[in-house]
Amino acid sequence: MGNLRPAPAALTPQRIDSLFAALDGRESAYVIDTLERLGLPEAEIARLFALAKRIDRKPLAVAGALISIALETVEAHG
């Protein structure tokens, strides 16, 4: 416990919130870029983000699960 130090006074809750918002924005941009590379149009990416938010999951995890389900379905009927 000797390594614990109080946070600098300039590190306010508002600054922490801003930092997390910036990190979330960067992650969202990365996820959107990845989904665009997969060929998903903007409307479907928006639907995916809405679904992920509704079920409280990360959009990329939801996309991965949906791709797995689709592959299984196609392979079972192909």
Protein backbone atom coordinates (compact mmCIF):
# COMPACT_ATOMS: atom_id res chain seq x y z
CA MET A 1 0.00 0.00 0.00
CA GLY A 2 3.05 2.26 0.06
CA ASN A 3 2.62 2.98 -3.68
CA LEU A 4 -0.78 4.61 -3.27
CA ARG A 5 -0.74 8.36 -3.65
CA PRO A 6 -3.61 10.82 -3.74
CA ALA A 7 -4.65 11.92 -7.21
CA PRO A 8 -3.38 15.31 -8.32
CA ALA A 9 -5.76 18.13 -7.46
CA ALA A 10 -6.16 18.93 -11.17
CA LEU A 11 -7.62 15.47 -11.81
CA THR A 12 -11.25 16.38 -11.23
CA PRO A 13 -14.25 14.13 -11.83
CA GLN A 14 -15.08 16.23 -14.90
CA ARG A 15 -11.62 15.60 -16.35
CA ILE A 16 -11.93 11.89 -15.67
CA ASP A 17 -15.32 11.87 -17.42
CA SER A 18 -13.77 13.71 -20.39
CA LEU A 19 -10.95 11.19 -20.57
CA PHE A 20 -13.36 8.25 -20.55
CA ALA A 21 -15.54 9.95 -23.19
CA ALA A 22 -12.48 10.42 -25.41
CA LEU A 23 -11.50 6.77 -24.97
CA ASP A 24 -15.07 5.65 -25.75
CA GLY A 25 -15.08 7.84 -28.85
CA ARG A 26 -11.80 6.35 -30.05
CA GLU A 27 -13.09 2.81 -29.45
CA SER A 28 -16.33 3.60 -31.30
CA ALA A 29 -14.37 4.98 -34.26
CA TYR A 30 -12.26 1.80 -34.34
CA VAL A 31 -15.37 -0.41 -34.22
CA ILE A 32 -17.10 1.60 -36.95
CA ASP A 33 -14.00 1.37 -39.15
CA THR A 34 -13.84 -2.40 -38.59
CA LEU A 35 -17.52 -2.87 -39.44
CA GLU A 36 -17.17 -0.70 -42.56
CA ARG A 37 -14.26 -2.89 -43.67
CA LEU A 38 -16.58 -5.88 -43.32
CA GLY A 39 -18.88 -4.16 -45.77
CA LEU A 40 -21.68 -3.12 -43.44
CA PRO A 41 -23.52 0.02 -44.54
CA GLU A 42 -23.94 2.94 -42.15
CA ALA A 43 -27.59 2.10 -41.42
CA GLU A 44 -26.74 -1.44 -40.32
CA ILE A 45 -23.85 -0.21 -38.19
CA ALA A 46 -26.28 2.14 -36.45
CA ARG A 47 -28.69 -0.75 -35.87
CA LEU A 48 -25.86 -2.84 -34.44
CA PHE A 49 -24.84 -0.04 -32.04
CA ALA A 50 -28.48 0.39 -30.96
CA LEU A 51 -28.84 -3.35 -30.32
CA ALA A 52 -25.57 -3.46 -28.38
CA LYS A 53 -26.69 -0.55 -26.23
CA ARG A 54 -30.10 -2.11 -25.63
CA ILE A 55 -28.58 -5.39 -24.41
CA ASP A 56 -25.64 -3.67 -22.65
CA ARG A 57 -22.87 -5.28 -24.71
CA LYS A 58 -19.97 -4.01 -26.79
CA PRO A 59 -20.88 -3.53 -30.49
CA LEU A 60 -17.94 -5.60 -31.72
CA ALA A 61 -18.92 -8.49 -29.43
CA VAL A 62 -22.48 -8.35 -30.76
CA ALA A 63 -21.19 -8.29 -34.35
CA GLY A 64 -19.00 -11.31 -33.64
CA ALA A 65 -21.90 -13.24 -32.14
CA LEU A 66 -24.17 -12.39 -35.08
CA ILE A 67 -21.52 -13.47 -37.59
CA SER A 68 -21.08 -16.79 -35.72
CA ILE A 69 -24.84 -17.39 -35.72
CA ALA A 70 -25.05 -16.54 -39.43
CA LEU A 71 -22.17 -18.89 -40.29
CA GLU A 72 -23.74 -21.74 -38.34
CA THR A 73 -27.09 -21.15 -40.04
CA VAL A 74 -25.62 -21.02 -43.53
CA GLU A 75 -23.45 -24.10 -42.94
CA ALA A 76 -26.40 -26.05 -41.56
CA HIS A 77 -28.52 -25.27 -44.61
CA GLY A 78 -25.77 -25.35 -47.22
